Amino acid sequence: MHCSSCVLLIDEELEELPGVRSSRTSLRDARTVVELDHPGAALQGELIAAVERAGYRAVPIYRKDPSPYTPGGYMV
């Protein structure tokens, strides 16, 4: 990612998926955290594919203190 437009592209792709409540991408950290409507609302593969449609790679990372609706972040 190089600019705030990259952040917007990723967040827009992710937020179009059914079951995704929000997507917060940090340009500085090169990380996206996805909040789901409920556990299992979106599959990991669907989230990664959405990031790839935006033109980036995604690798799952897991938070030490996950909330019930956030299975982890996705590094882009």
PDB file of N, CA and C in Angstrom:
ATOM      1  N   MET A   1       0.853  -1.172   0.000  1.00  0.00           N
ATOM      2  CA  MET A   1       0.000   0.000   0.000  1.00  0.00           C
ATOM      3  C   MET A   1       0.897   1.231   0.000  1.00  0.00           C
ATOM      4  N   HIS A   2       0.454   2.229  -0.752  1.00  0.00           N
ATOM      5  CA  HIS A   2       1.274   3.422  -0.884  1.00  0.00           C
ATOM      6  C   HIS A   2       0.580   4.704  -0.435  1.00  0.00           C
ATOM      7  N   CYS A   3      -0.763   4.701  -0.411  1.00  0.00           N
ATOM      8  CA  CYS A   3      -1.466   5.949  -0.118  1.00  0.00           C
ATOM      9  C   CYS A   3      -2.854   5.673   0.453  1.00  0.00           C
ATOM     10  N   SER A   4      -3.552   6.736   0.794  1.00  0.00           N
ATOM     11  CA  SER A   4      -4.888   6.586   1.380  1.00  0.00           C
ATOM     12  C   SER A   4      -5.899   6.009   0.377  1.00  0.00           C
ATOM     13  N   SER A   5      -5.648   6.164  -0.904  1.00  0.00           N
ATOM     14  CA  SER A   5      -6.535   5.548  -1.907  1.00  0.00           C
ATOM     15  C   SER A   5      -6.464   4.022  -1.833  1.00  0.00           C
ATOM     16  N   CYS A   6      -5.280   3.504  -1.542  1.00  0.00           N
ATOM     17  CA  CYS A   6      -5.119   2.055  -1.376  1.00  0.00           C
ATOM     18  C   CYS A   6      -5.976   1.568  -0.211  1.00  0.00           C
ATOM     19  N   VAL A   7      -5.951   2.311   0.881  1.00  0.00           N
ATOM     20  CA  VAL A   7      -6.735   1.981   2.065  1.00  0.00           C
ATOM     21  C   VAL A   7      -8.218   1.935   1.706  1.00  0.00           C
ATOM     22  N   LEU A   8      -8.693   2.934   0.989  1.00  0.00           N
ATOM     23  CA  LEU A   8     -10.102   2.986   0.607  1.00  0.00           C
ATOM     24  C   LEU A   8     -10.501   1.815  -0.286  1.00  0.00           C
ATOM     25  N   LEU A   9      -9.643   1.455  -1.233  1.00  0.00           N
ATOM     26  CA  LEU A   9      -9.947   0.332  -2.127  1.00  0.00           C
ATOM     27  C   LEU A   9     -10.128  -0.962  -1.337  1.00  0.00           C
ATOM     28  N   ILE A  10      -9.236  -1.212  -0.404  1.00  0.00           N
ATOM     29  CA  ILE A  10      -9.313  -2.432   0.400  1.00  0.00           C
ATOM     30  C   ILE A  10     -10.571  -2.426   1.257  1.00  0.00           C
ATOM     31  N   ASP A  11     -10.805  -1.327   1.968  1.00  0.00           N
ATOM     32  CA  ASP A  11     -11.972  -1.259   2.846  1.00  0.00           C
ATOM     33  C   ASP A  11     -13.280  -1.385   2.064  1.00  0.00           C
ATOM     34  N   GLU A  12     -13.360  -0.772   0.899  1.00  0.00           N
ATOM     35  CA  GLU A  12     -14.580  -0.862   0.086  1.00  0.00           C
ATOM     36  C   GLU A  12     -14.840  -2.299  -0.359  1.00  0.00           C
ATOM     37  N   GLU A  13     -13.797  -2.999  -0.817  1.00  0.00           N
ATOM     38  CA  GLU A  13     -13.968  -4.390  -1.249  1.00  0.00           C
ATOM     39  C   GLU A  13     -14.446  -5.259  -0.094  1.00  0.00           C
ATOM     40  N   LEU A  14     -13.841  -5.098   1.061  1.00  0.00           N
ATOM     41  CA  LEU A  14     -14.210  -5.918   2.210  1.00  0.00           C
ATOM     42  C   LEU A  14     -15.614  -5.603   2.707  1.00  0.00           C
ATOM     43  N   GLU A  15     -15.957  -4.324   2.760  1.00  0.00           N
ATOM     44  CA  GLU A  15     -17.258  -3.930   3.298  1.00  0.00           C
ATOM     45  C   GLU A  15     -18.427  -4.281   2.374  1.00  0.00           C
ATOM     46  N   GLU A  16     -18.137  -4.651   1.124  1.00  0.00           N
ATOM     47  CA  GLU A  16     -19.185  -5.110   0.220  1.00  0.00           C
ATOM     48  C   GLU A  16     -19.579  -6.563   0.490  1.00  0.00           C
ATOM     49  N   LEU A  17     -18.753  -7.292   1.222  1.00  0.00           N
ATOM     50  CA  LEU A  17     -19.052  -8.694   1.506  1.00  0.00           C
ATOM     51  C   LEU A  17     -20.192  -8.817   2.509  1.00  0.00           C
ATOM     52  N   PRO A  18     -21.120  -9.729   2.270  1.00  0.00           N
ATOM     53  CA  PRO A  18     -22.170  -9.978   3.258  1.00  0.00           C
ATOM     54  C   PRO A  18     -21.538 -10.452   4.566  1.00  0.00           C
ATOM     55  N   GLY A  19     -22.031  -9.931   5.670  1.00  0.00           N
ATOM     56  CA  GLY A  19     -21.540 -10.340   6.975  1.00  0.00           C
ATOM     57  C   GLY A  19     -20.414  -9.496   7.527  1.00  0.00           C
ATOM     58  N   VAL A  20     -19.859  -8.596   6.710  1.00  0.00           N
ATOM     59  CA  VAL A  20     -18.787  -7.718   7.188  1.00  0.00           C
ATOM     60  C   VAL A  20     -19.411  -6.428   7.704  1.00  0.00           C
ATOM     61  N   ARG A  21     -19.230  -6.172   8.981  1.00  0.00           N
ATOM     62  CA  ARG A  21     -19.757  -4.953   9.603  1.00  0.00           C
ATOM     63  C   ARG A  21     -18.875  -3.750   9.275  1.00  0.00           C
ATOM     64  N   SER A  22     -17.552  -3.943   9.397  1.00  0.00           N
ATOM     65  CA  SER A  22     -16.644  -2.840   9.086  1.00  0.00           C
ATOM     66  C   SER A  22     -15.262  -3.379   8.766  1.00  0.00           C
ATOM     67  N   SER A  23     -14.492  -2.538   8.105  1.00  0.00           N
ATOM     68  CA  SER A  23     -13.106  -2.838   7.781  1.00  0.00           C
ATOM     69  C   SER A  23     -12.291  -1.585   8.085  1.00  0.00           C
ATOM     70  N   ARG A  24     -11.224  -1.756   8.853  1.00  0.00           N
ATOM     71  CA  ARG A  24     -10.362  -0.635   9.196  1.00  0.00           C
ATOM     72  C   ARG A  24      -8.938  -0.972   8.759  1.00  0.00           C
ATOM     73  N   THR A  25      -8.472  -0.280   7.738  1.00  0.00           N
ATOM     74  CA  THR A  25      -7.134  -0.516   7.214  1.00  0.00           C
ATOM     75  C   THR A  25      -6.219   0.617   7.647  1.00  0.00           C
ATOM     76  N   SER A  26      -5.049   0.246   8.122  1.00  0.00           N
ATOM     77  CA  SER A  26      -4.045   1.222   8.546  1.00  0.00           C
ATOM     78  C   SER A  26      -2.916   1.238   7.526  1.00  0.00           C
ATOM     79  N   LEU A  27      -2.715   2.370   6.901  1.00  0.00           N
ATOM     80  CA  LEU A  27      -1.620   2.530   5.951  1.00  0.00           C
ATOM     81  C   LEU A  27      -0.290   2.397   6.680  1.00  0.00           C
ATOM     82  N   ARG A  28      -0.187   3.011   7.834  1.00  0.00           N
ATOM     83  CA  ARG A  28       1.060   2.996   8.611  1.00  0.00           C
ATOM     84  C   ARG A  28       1.457   1.581   9.022  1.00  0.00           C
ATOM     85  N   ASP A  29       0.472   0.793   9.483  1.00  0.00           N
ATOM     86  CA  ASP A  29       0.759  -0.555   9.974  1.00  0.00           C
ATOM     87  C   ASP A  29       0.651  -1.621   8.897  1.00  0.00           C
ATOM     88  N   ALA A  30       0.132  -1.257   7.723  1.00  0.00           N
ATOM     89  CA  ALA A  30      -0.117  -2.219   6.634  1.00  0.00           C
ATOM     90  C   ALA A  30      -0.947  -3.388   7.154  1.00  0.00           C
ATOM     91  N   ARG A  31      -2.035  -3.033   7.849  1.00  0.00           N
ATOM     92  CA  ARG A  31      -2.868  -4.049   8.476  1.00  0.00           C
ATOM     93  C   ARG A  31      -4.327  -3.642   8.377  1.00  0.00           C
ATOM     94  N   THR A  32      -5.177  -4.645   8.195  1.00  0.00           N
ATOM     95  CA  THR A  32      -6.614  -4.430   8.160  1.00  0.00           C
ATOM     96  C   THR A  32      -7.266  -5.279   9.239  1.00  0.00           C
ATOM     97  N   VAL A  33      -8.195  -4.680   9.972  1.00  0.00           N
ATOM     98  CA  VAL A  33      -8.985  -5.426  10.939  1.00  0.00           C
ATOM     99  C   VAL A  33     -10.422  -5.413  10.445  1.00  0.00           C
ATOM    100  N   VAL A  34     -10.998  -6.603  10.349  1.00  0.00           N
ATOM    101  CA  VAL A  34     -12.355  -6.765   9.848  1.00  0.00           C
ATOM    102  C   VAL A  34     -13.256  -7.147  11.010  1.00  0.00           C
ATOM    103  N   GLU A  35     -14.356  -6.428  11.152  1.00  0.00           N
ATOM    104  CA  GLU A  35     -15.358  -6.758  12.167  1.00  0.00           C
ATOM    105  C   GLU A  35     -16.545  -7.399  11.460  1.00  0.00           C
ATOM    106  N   LEU A  36     -16.950  -8.563  11.952  1.00  0.00           N
ATOM    107  CA  LEU A  36     -18.048  -9.306  11.343  1.00  0.00           C
ATOM    108  C   LEU A  36     -19.346  -9.063  12.094  1.00  0.00           C
ATOM    109  N   ASP A  37     -20.476  -9.263  11.396  1.00  0.00           N
ATOM    110  CA  ASP A  37     -21.786  -9.145  12.028  1.00  0.00           C
ATOM    111  C   ASP A  37     -21.970 -10.188  13.122  1.00  0.00           C
ATOM    112  N   HIS A  38     -21.456 -11.383  12.894  1.00  0.00           N
ATOM    113  CA  HIS A  38     -21.511 -12.468  13.876  1.00  0.00           C
ATOM    114  C   HIS A  38     -20.416 -13.465  13.515  1.00  0.00           C
ATOM    115  N   PRO A  39     -19.990 -14.289  14.459  1.00  0.00           N
ATOM    116  CA  PRO A  39     -18.933 -15.262  14.160  1.00  0.00           C
ATOM    117  C   PRO A  39     -19.306 -16.121  12.956  1.00  0.00           C
ATOM    118  N   GLY A  40     -18.368 -16.298  12.065  1.00  0.00           N
ATOM    119  CA  GLY A  40     -18.606 -17.122  10.884  1.00  0.00           C
ATOM    120  C   GLY A  40     -19.365 -16.424   9.774  1.00  0.00           C
ATOM    121  N   ALA A  41     -19.606 -15.116   9.911  1.00  0.00           N
ATOM    122  CA  ALA A  41     -20.384 -14.389   8.905  1.00  0.00           C
ATOM    123  C   ALA A  41     -19.677 -14.339   7.551  1.00  0.00           C
ATOM    124  N   ALA A  42     -18.359 -14.358   7.549  1.00  0.00           N
ATOM    125  CA  ALA A  42     -17.590 -14.363   6.305  1.00  0.00           C
ATOM    126  C   ALA A  42     -16.439 -15.346   6.479  1.00  0.00           C
ATOM    127  N   LEU A  43     -16.147 -16.086   5.438  1.00  0.00           N
ATOM    128  CA  LEU A  43     -15.057 -17.046   5.491  1.00  0.00           C
ATOM    129  C   LEU A  43     -13.729 -16.355   5.228  1.00  0.00           C
ATOM    130  N   GLN A  44     -12.688 -16.869   5.835  1.00  0.00           N
ATOM    131  CA  GLN A  44     -11.356 -16.300   5.669  1.00  0.00           C
ATOM    132  C   GLN A  44     -10.989 -16.173   4.193  1.00  0.00           C
ATOM    133  N   GLY A  45     -11.300 -17.187   3.397  1.00  0.00           N
ATOM    134  CA  GLY A  45     -10.987 -17.153   1.970  1.00  0.00           C
ATOM    135  C   GLY A  45     -11.698 -16.028   1.239  1.00  0.00           C
ATOM    136  N   GLU A  46     -12.936 -15.733   1.639  1.00  0.00           N
ATOM    137  CA  GLU A  46     -13.685 -14.624   1.032  1.00  0.00           C
ATOM    138  C   GLU A  46     -13.031 -13.288   1.351  1.00  0.00           C
ATOM    139  N   LEU A  47     -12.551 -13.139   2.575  1.00  0.00           N
ATOM    140  CA  LEU A  47     -11.898 -11.893   2.982  1.00  0.00           C
ATOM    141  C   LEU A  47     -10.598 -11.699   2.203  1.00  0.00           C
ATOM    142  N   ILE A  48      -9.814 -12.756   2.101  1.00  0.00           N
ATOM    143  CA  ILE A  48      -8.549 -12.676   1.364  1.00  0.00           C
ATOM    144  C   ILE A  48      -8.812 -12.381  -0.105  1.00  0.00           C
ATOM    145  N   ALA A  49      -9.816 -13.018  -0.698  1.00  0.00           N
ATOM    146  CA  ALA A  49     -10.147 -12.777  -2.108  1.00  0.00           C
ATOM    147  C   ALA A  49     -10.558 -11.330  -2.341  1.00  0.00           C
ATOM    148  N   ALA A  50     -11.271 -10.729  -1.390  1.00  0.00           N
ATOM    149  CA  ALA A  50     -11.682  -9.326  -1.526  1.00  0.00           C
ATOM    150  C   ALA A  50     -10.461  -8.409  -1.544  1.00  0.00           C
ATOM    151  N   VAL A  51      -9.495  -8.687  -0.693  1.00  0.00           N
ATOM    152  CA  VAL A  51      -8.264  -7.878  -0.676  1.00  0.00           C
ATOM    153  C   VAL A  51      -7.514  -8.063  -1.989  1.00  0.00           C
ATOM    154  N   GLU A  52      -7.473  -9.273  -2.486  1.00  0.00           N
ATOM    155  CA  GLU A  52      -6.792  -9.532  -3.759  1.00  0.00           C
ATOM    156  C   GLU A  52      -7.495  -8.847  -4.926  1.00  0.00           C
ATOM    157  N   ARG A  53      -8.829  -8.757  -4.886  1.00  0.00           N
ATOM    158  CA  ARG A  53      -9.558  -8.021  -5.946  1.00  0.00           C
ATOM    159  C   ARG A  53      -9.165  -6.548  -5.941  1.00  0.00           C
ATOM    160  N   ALA A  54      -8.803  -6.032  -4.769  1.00  0.00           N
ATOM    161  CA  ALA A  54      -8.369  -4.636  -4.684  1.00  0.00           C
ATOM    162  C   ALA A  54      -6.931  -4.473  -5.175  1.00  0.00           C
ATOM    163  N   GLY A  55      -6.249  -5.602  -5.442  1.00  0.00           N
ATOM    164  CA  GLY A  55      -4.896  -5.540  -5.992  1.00  0.00           C
ATOM    165  C   GLY A  55      -3.788  -5.764  -4.979  1.00  0.00           C
ATOM    166  N   TYR A  56      -4.111  -6.353  -3.828  1.00  0.00           N
ATOM    167  CA  TYR A  56      -3.126  -6.544  -2.767  1.00  0.00           C
ATOM    168  C   TYR A  56      -3.138  -7.984  -2.290  1.00  0.00           C
ATOM    169  N   ARG A  57      -2.124  -8.347  -1.508  1.00  0.00           N
ATOM    170  CA  ARG A  57      -2.061  -9.673  -0.893  1.00  0.00           C
ATOM    171  C   ARG A  57      -2.552  -9.568   0.539  1.00  0.00           C
ATOM    172  N   ALA A  58      -3.099 -10.656   1.044  1.00  0.00           N
ATOM    173  CA  ALA A  58      -3.528 -10.703   2.437  1.00  0.00           C
ATOM    174  C   ALA A  58      -3.045 -12.001   3.067  1.00  0.00           C
ATOM    175  N   VAL A  59      -2.545 -11.881   4.278  1.00  0.00           N
ATOM    176  CA  VAL A  59      -2.101 -13.029   5.055  1.00  0.00           C
ATOM    177  C   VAL A  59      -2.790 -12.929   6.406  1.00  0.00           C
ATOM    178  N   PRO A  60      -3.496 -13.978   6.844  1.00  0.00           N
ATOM    179  CA  PRO A  60      -4.187 -13.884   8.127  1.00  0.00           C
ATOM    180  C   PRO A  60      -3.207 -13.781   9.286  1.00  0.00           C
ATOM    181  N   ILE A  61      -3.552 -12.939  10.222  1.00  0.00           N
ATOM    182  CA  ILE A  61      -2.839 -12.851  11.496  1.00  0.00           C
ATOM    183  C   ILE A  61      -3.898 -12.953  12.580  1.00  0.00           C
ATOM    184  N   TYR A  62      -3.502 -13.339  13.736  1.00  0.00           N
ATOM    185  CA  TYR A  62      -4.477 -13.556  14.793  1.00  0.00           C
ATOM    186  C   TYR A  62      -4.150 -12.700  15.992  1.00  0.00           C
ATOM    187  N   ARG A  63      -5.177 -12.053  16.512  1.00  0.00           N
ATOM    188  CA  ARG A  63      -5.023 -11.180  17.666  1.00  0.00           C
ATOM    189  C   ARG A  63      -4.925 -12.009  18.932  1.00  0.00           C
ATOM    190  N   LYS A  64      -4.194 -11.491  19.909  1.00  0.00           N
ATOM    191  CA  LYS A  64      -4.094 -12.168  21.192  1.00  0.00           C
ATOM    192  C   LYS A  64      -5.367 -12.008  22.002  1.00  0.00           C
ATOM    193  N   ASP A  65      -6.111 -10.941  21.748  1.00  0.00           N
ATOM    194  CA  ASP A  65      -7.324 -10.651  22.514  1.00  0.00           C
ATOM    195  C   ASP A  65      -8.509 -10.431  21.576  1.00  0.00           C
ATOM    196  N   PRO A  66      -8.886 -11.467  20.799  1.00  0.00           N
ATOM    197  CA  PRO A  66      -9.961 -11.257  19.827  1.00  0.00           C
ATOM    198  C   PRO A  66     -11.306 -10.995  20.490  1.00  0.00           C
ATOM    199  N   SER A  67     -12.056 -10.096  19.891  1.00  0.00           N
ATOM    200  CA  SER A  67     -13.424  -9.873  20.342  1.00  0.00           C
ATOM    201  C   SER A  67     -14.271 -10.998  19.750  1.00  0.00           C
ATOM    202  N   PRO A  68     -15.493 -11.168  20.216  1.00  0.00           N
ATOM    203  CA  PRO A  68     -16.315 -12.256  19.676  1.00  0.00           C
ATOM    204  C   PRO A  68     -16.603 -12.121  18.185  1.00  0.00           C
ATOM    205  N   TYR A  69     -16.533 -10.916  17.641  1.00  0.00           N
ATOM    206  CA  TYR A  69     -16.907 -10.705  16.246  1.00  0.00           C
ATOM    207  C   TYR A  69     -15.709 -10.397  15.350  1.00  0.00           C
ATOM    208  N   THR A  70     -14.522 -10.384  15.881  1.00  0.00           N
ATOM    209  CA  THR A  70     -13.342 -10.080  15.076  1.00  0.00           C
ATOM    210  C   THR A  70     -12.378 -11.249  15.166  1.00  0.00           C
ATOM    211  N   PRO A  71     -12.379 -12.152  14.181  1.00  0.00           N
ATOM    212  CA  PRO A  71     -11.549 -13.333  14.267  1.00  0.00           C
ATOM    213  C   PRO A  71     -10.064 -13.023  14.162  1.00  0.00           C
ATOM    214  N   GLY A  72      -9.706 -11.867  13.704  1.00  0.00           N
ATOM    215  CA  GLY A  72      -8.311 -11.495  13.562  1.00  0.00           C
ATOM    216  C   GLY A  72      -8.181 -10.361  12.586  1.00  0.00           C
ATOM    217  N   GLY A  73      -6.988  -9.970  12.321  1.00  0.00           N
ATOM    218  CA  GLY A  73      -6.744  -8.950  11.309  1.00  0.00           C
ATOM    219  C   GLY A  73      -6.172  -9.623  10.084  1.00  0.00           C
ATOM    220  N   TYR A  74      -6.067  -8.903   9.019  1.00  0.00           N
ATOM    221  CA  TYR A  74      -5.473  -9.430   7.814  1.00  0.00           C
ATOM    222  C   TYR A  74      -4.396  -8.476   7.350  1.00  0.00           C
ATOM    223  N   MET A  75      -3.166  -8.954   7.316  1.00  0.00           N
ATOM    224  CA  MET A  75      -2.056  -8.107   6.898  1.00  0.00           C
ATOM    225  C   MET A  75      -2.087  -7.985   5.387  1.00  0.00           C
ATOM    226  N   VAL A  76      -1.970  -6.763   4.892  1.00  0.00           N
ATOM    227  CA  VAL A  76      -1.982  -6.529   3.454  1.00  0.00           C
ATOM    228  C   VAL A  76      -0.674  -5.944   3.010  1.00  0.00           C
TER     229      VAL A  76
END
